[in-house]
Amino acid sequence: MGAMKRELHRLADVVIYGNPETITREFNKVAGLADGGAIELLAYAVEDARYMSPLCECGADYYAELHAKYPQVVEHTNGQGDNA
């Protein structure tokens, strides 16, 4: 898996499991990209998150269920800090 694909998967985890502080921190890192591709990268990360997340009914709240089912992913995603 290439570096860009790994980064997209990492950002997708942030979209799915991240708390607001983690999402803000990681999206600000992406916004600082010099090549101007930040919006495109974020769009692909959100699309990747859709593929990774379980299918759900429109409007259903499955956030709490995901957090209960995968607490280690939530903890890892939100604990990455600046060393991600």
N, C-alpha and C. Protein backbone atom coordinates (compact mmCIF):
# COMPACT_ATOMS: atom_id res chain seq x y z
N MET A 1 0.86 -1.17 0.00
CA MET A 1 0.00 0.00 0.00
C MET A 1 0.90 1.23 0.00
N GLY A 2 0.60 2.15 -0.88
CA GLY A 2 1.41 3.36 -0.99
C GLY A 2 1.16 4.32 0.16
N ALA A 3 2.07 5.27 0.28
CA ALA A 3 1.99 6.25 1.36
C ALA A 3 0.69 7.05 1.30
N MET A 4 0.26 7.44 0.09
CA MET A 4 -0.96 8.23 -0.03
C MET A 4 -2.17 7.41 0.39
N LYS A 5 -2.20 6.14 0.02
CA LYS A 5 -3.33 5.27 0.40
C LYS A 5 -3.37 5.10 1.91
N ARG A 6 -2.20 4.92 2.54
CA ARG A 6 -2.16 4.80 4.01
C ARG A 6 -2.66 6.08 4.67
N GLU A 7 -2.26 7.23 4.12
CA GLU A 7 -2.71 8.50 4.68
C GLU A 7 -4.21 8.67 4.52
N LEU A 8 -4.75 8.25 3.39
CA LEU A 8 -6.20 8.33 3.19
C LEU A 8 -6.93 7.43 4.19
N HIS A 9 -6.41 6.23 4.43
CA HIS A 9 -7.04 5.34 5.41
C HIS A 9 -6.95 5.94 6.82
N ARG A 10 -5.82 6.56 7.14
CA ARG A 10 -5.67 7.19 8.45
C ARG A 10 -6.66 8.33 8.61
N LEU A 11 -6.78 9.17 7.58
CA LEU A 11 -7.74 10.27 7.65
C LEU A 11 -9.17 9.76 7.68
N ALA A 12 -9.44 8.65 6.99
CA ALA A 12 -10.78 8.06 7.04
C ALA A 12 -11.10 7.60 8.45
N ASP A 13 -10.12 7.00 9.14
CA ASP A 13 -10.32 6.64 10.54
C ASP A 13 -10.64 7.87 11.38
N VAL A 14 -9.96 8.98 11.09
CA VAL A 14 -10.22 10.22 11.82
C VAL A 14 -11.66 10.68 11.57
N VAL A 15 -12.12 10.60 10.32
CA VAL A 15 -13.50 11.00 10.00
C VAL A 15 -14.50 10.13 10.76
N ILE A 16 -14.24 8.83 10.81
CA ILE A 16 -15.19 7.90 11.44
C ILE A 16 -15.11 7.93 12.96
N TYR A 17 -13.91 7.88 13.50
CA TYR A 17 -13.73 7.67 14.94
C TYR A 17 -13.24 8.89 15.70
N GLY A 18 -12.82 9.93 15.01
CA GLY A 18 -12.22 11.07 15.69
C GLY A 18 -13.21 11.93 16.45
N ASN A 19 -12.73 12.47 17.55
CA ASN A 19 -13.53 13.46 18.27
C ASN A 19 -13.30 14.81 17.59
N PRO A 20 -14.06 15.84 17.93
CA PRO A 20 -13.91 17.12 17.24
C PRO A 20 -12.49 17.70 17.30
N GLU A 21 -11.80 17.52 18.41
CA GLU A 21 -10.45 18.06 18.53
C GLU A 21 -9.50 17.34 17.58
N THR A 22 -9.63 16.02 17.47
CA THR A 22 -8.77 15.25 16.58
C THR A 22 -9.05 15.60 15.12
N ILE A 23 -10.32 15.70 14.77
CA ILE A 23 -10.68 16.05 13.39
C ILE A 23 -10.12 17.43 13.05
N THR A 24 -10.28 18.38 13.93
CA THR A 24 -9.76 19.73 13.69
C THR A 24 -8.25 19.71 13.52
N ARG A 25 -7.56 19.03 14.42
CA ARG A 25 -6.10 18.96 14.35
C ARG A 25 -5.64 18.34 13.04
N GLU A 26 -6.22 17.20 12.66
CA GLU A 26 -5.78 16.50 11.45
C GLU A 26 -6.16 17.25 10.18
N PHE A 27 -7.35 17.85 10.15
CA PHE A 27 -7.75 18.61 8.97
C PHE A 27 -6.92 19.88 8.84
N ASN A 28 -6.50 20.48 9.94
CA ASN A 28 -5.61 21.64 9.87
C ASN A 28 -4.25 21.25 9.30
N LYS A 29 -3.78 20.06 9.63
CA LYS A 29 -2.52 19.57 9.05
C LYS A 29 -2.66 19.47 7.54
N VAL A 30 -3.77 18.91 7.08
CA VAL A 30 -4.00 18.75 5.65
C VAL A 30 -4.14 20.12 4.99
N ALA A 31 -4.80 21.05 5.65
CA ALA A 31 -4.99 22.39 5.09
C ALA A 31 -3.66 23.08 4.86
N GLY A 32 -2.64 22.68 5.59
CA GLY A 32 -1.33 23.31 5.46
C GLY A 32 -0.49 22.76 4.32
N LEU A 33 -1.04 21.87 3.52
CA LEU A 33 -0.27 21.32 2.40
C LEU A 33 0.09 22.43 1.42
N ALA A 34 1.32 22.42 0.97
CA ALA A 34 1.80 23.48 0.09
C ALA A 34 1.29 23.37 -1.34
N ASP A 35 0.91 22.17 -1.76
CA ASP A 35 0.55 21.99 -3.17
C ASP A 35 -0.89 22.37 -3.50
N GLY A 36 -1.66 22.80 -2.52
CA GLY A 36 -3.03 23.23 -2.78
C GLY A 36 -4.01 22.10 -2.97
N GLY A 37 -3.62 20.87 -2.70
CA GLY A 37 -4.49 19.71 -2.90
C GLY A 37 -5.24 19.30 -1.65
N ALA A 38 -5.33 20.19 -0.66
CA ALA A 38 -5.93 19.84 0.62
C ALA A 38 -7.40 19.45 0.49
N ILE A 39 -8.17 20.21 -0.23
CA ILE A 39 -9.60 19.93 -0.35
C ILE A 39 -9.82 18.60 -1.06
N GLU A 40 -9.04 18.34 -2.08
CA GLU A 40 -9.17 17.07 -2.80
C GLU A 40 -8.79 15.90 -1.90
N LEU A 41 -7.73 16.04 -1.12
CA LEU A 41 -7.32 14.98 -0.21
C LEU A 41 -8.41 14.73 0.83
N LEU A 42 -8.99 15.79 1.38
CA LEU A 42 -10.05 15.62 2.36
C LEU A 42 -11.28 14.97 1.73
N ALA A 43 -11.60 15.33 0.50
CA ALA A 43 -12.74 14.72 -0.19
C ALA A 43 -12.52 13.22 -0.36
N TYR A 44 -11.32 12.82 -0.74
CA TYR A 44 -11.03 11.40 -0.89
C TYR A 44 -11.04 10.68 0.46
N ALA A 45 -10.60 11.37 1.52
CA ALA A 45 -10.62 10.77 2.85
C ALA A 45 -12.06 10.52 3.30
N VAL A 46 -12.94 11.47 3.04
CA VAL A 46 -14.36 11.30 3.39
C VAL A 46 -14.96 10.16 2.57
N GLU A 47 -14.63 10.10 1.28
CA GLU A 47 -15.12 9.01 0.44
C GLU A 47 -14.61 7.66 0.95
N ASP A 48 -13.34 7.61 1.33
CA ASP A 48 -12.76 6.38 1.87
C ASP A 48 -13.47 5.99 3.16
N ALA A 49 -13.81 6.97 3.99
CA ALA A 49 -14.53 6.70 5.24
C ALA A 49 -15.89 6.08 4.95
N ARG A 50 -16.54 6.53 3.90
CA ARG A 50 -17.83 5.95 3.53
C ARG A 50 -17.70 4.48 3.19
N TYR A 51 -16.63 4.13 2.48
CA TYR A 51 -16.41 2.73 2.13
C TYR A 51 -16.07 1.88 3.34
N MET A 52 -15.34 2.49 4.30
CA MET A 52 -14.90 1.77 5.48
C MET A 52 -16.00 1.63 6.53
N SER A 53 -16.91 2.58 6.57
CA SER A 53 -17.94 2.56 7.61
C SER A 53 -19.04 1.58 7.24
N PRO A 54 -19.75 1.09 8.23
CA PRO A 54 -20.82 0.14 7.95
C PRO A 54 -21.97 0.83 7.22
N LEU A 55 -22.68 0.05 6.46
CA LEU A 55 -23.87 0.59 5.80
C LEU A 55 -24.88 0.96 6.87
N CYS A 56 -25.55 2.04 6.68
CA CYS A 56 -26.52 2.48 7.67
C CYS A 56 -27.74 3.04 6.97
N GLU A 57 -28.81 3.11 7.72
CA GLU A 57 -30.02 3.71 7.19
C GLU A 57 -29.88 5.22 7.28
N CYS A 58 -30.42 5.90 6.32
CA CYS A 58 -30.34 7.35 6.28
C CYS A 58 -30.86 7.94 7.59
N GLY A 59 -30.07 8.76 8.20
CA GLY A 59 -30.47 9.43 9.43
C GLY A 59 -30.22 8.63 10.69
N ALA A 60 -29.82 7.37 10.56
CA ALA A 60 -29.58 6.55 11.75
C ALA A 60 -28.31 7.03 12.46
N ASP A 61 -28.32 6.99 13.78
CA ASP A 61 -27.17 7.40 14.57
C ASP A 61 -26.40 6.15 14.98
N TYR A 62 -25.32 5.86 14.29
CA TYR A 62 -24.54 4.66 14.60
C TYR A 62 -23.19 5.01 15.23
N TYR A 63 -22.97 6.28 15.51
CA TYR A 63 -21.71 6.74 16.08
C TYR A 63 -21.42 6.07 17.43
N ALA A 64 -22.39 6.06 18.32
CA ALA A 64 -22.19 5.46 19.65
C ALA A 64 -21.93 3.96 19.53
N GLU A 65 -22.63 3.31 18.62
CA GLU A 65 -22.43 1.87 18.42
C GLU A 65 -21.01 1.57 17.92
N LEU A 66 -20.52 2.37 16.98
CA LEU A 66 -19.15 2.19 16.49
C LEU A 66 -18.14 2.37 17.62
N HIS A 67 -18.36 3.37 18.44
CA HIS A 67 -17.43 3.62 19.55
C HIS A 67 -17.45 2.48 20.56
N ALA A 68 -18.61 1.91 20.79
CA ALA A 68 -18.70 0.78 21.71
C ALA A 68 -18.07 -0.48 21.11
N LYS A 69 -18.23 -0.66 19.82
CA LYS A 69 -17.73 -1.86 19.15
C LYS A 69 -16.22 -1.83 18.93
N TYR A 70 -15.65 -0.65 18.69
CA TYR A 70 -14.22 -0.52 18.37
C TYR A 70 -13.53 0.51 19.28
N PRO A 71 -13.57 0.32 20.60
CA PRO A 71 -12.98 1.33 21.48
C PRO A 71 -11.48 1.51 21.27
N GLN A 72 -10.78 0.44 20.90
CA GLN A 72 -9.33 0.56 20.70
C GLN A 72 -9.01 1.43 19.48
N VAL A 73 -9.84 1.39 18.45
CA VAL A 73 -9.62 2.24 17.28
C VAL A 73 -9.88 3.70 17.65
N VAL A 74 -10.93 3.93 18.42
CA VAL A 74 -11.25 5.29 18.86
C VAL A 74 -10.10 5.86 19.68
N GLU A 75 -9.60 5.06 20.62
CA GLU A 75 -8.52 5.50 21.49
C GLU A 75 -7.26 5.78 20.66
N HIS A 76 -6.93 4.89 19.75
CA HIS A 76 -5.74 5.07 18.90
C HIS A 76 -5.88 6.31 18.02
N THR A 77 -7.03 6.47 17.39
CA THR A 77 -7.27 7.59 16.48
C THR A 77 -7.15 8.92 17.21
N ASN A 78 -7.74 9.02 18.38
CA ASN A 78 -7.75 10.29 19.12
C ASN A 78 -6.48 10.49 19.93
N GLY A 79 -5.66 9.47 20.06
CA GLY A 79 -4.44 9.61 20.84
C GLY A 79 -3.20 9.81 20.00
N GLN A 80 -3.34 9.99 18.70
CA GLN A 80 -2.19 10.08 17.81
C GLN A 80 -1.41 11.36 17.96
N GLY A 81 -2.07 12.45 18.25
CA GLY A 81 -1.38 13.73 18.44
C GLY A 81 -0.54 14.13 17.25
N ASP A 82 0.54 14.81 17.49
CA ASP A 82 1.38 15.33 16.42
C ASP A 82 2.34 14.29 15.85
N ASN A 83 2.42 13.12 16.44
CA ASN A 83 3.35 12.11 15.94
C ASN A 83 2.70 11.17 14.94
N ALA A 84 1.54 11.53 14.38
CA ALA A 84 0.85 10.67 13.42
C ALA A 84 1.49 10.76 12.06
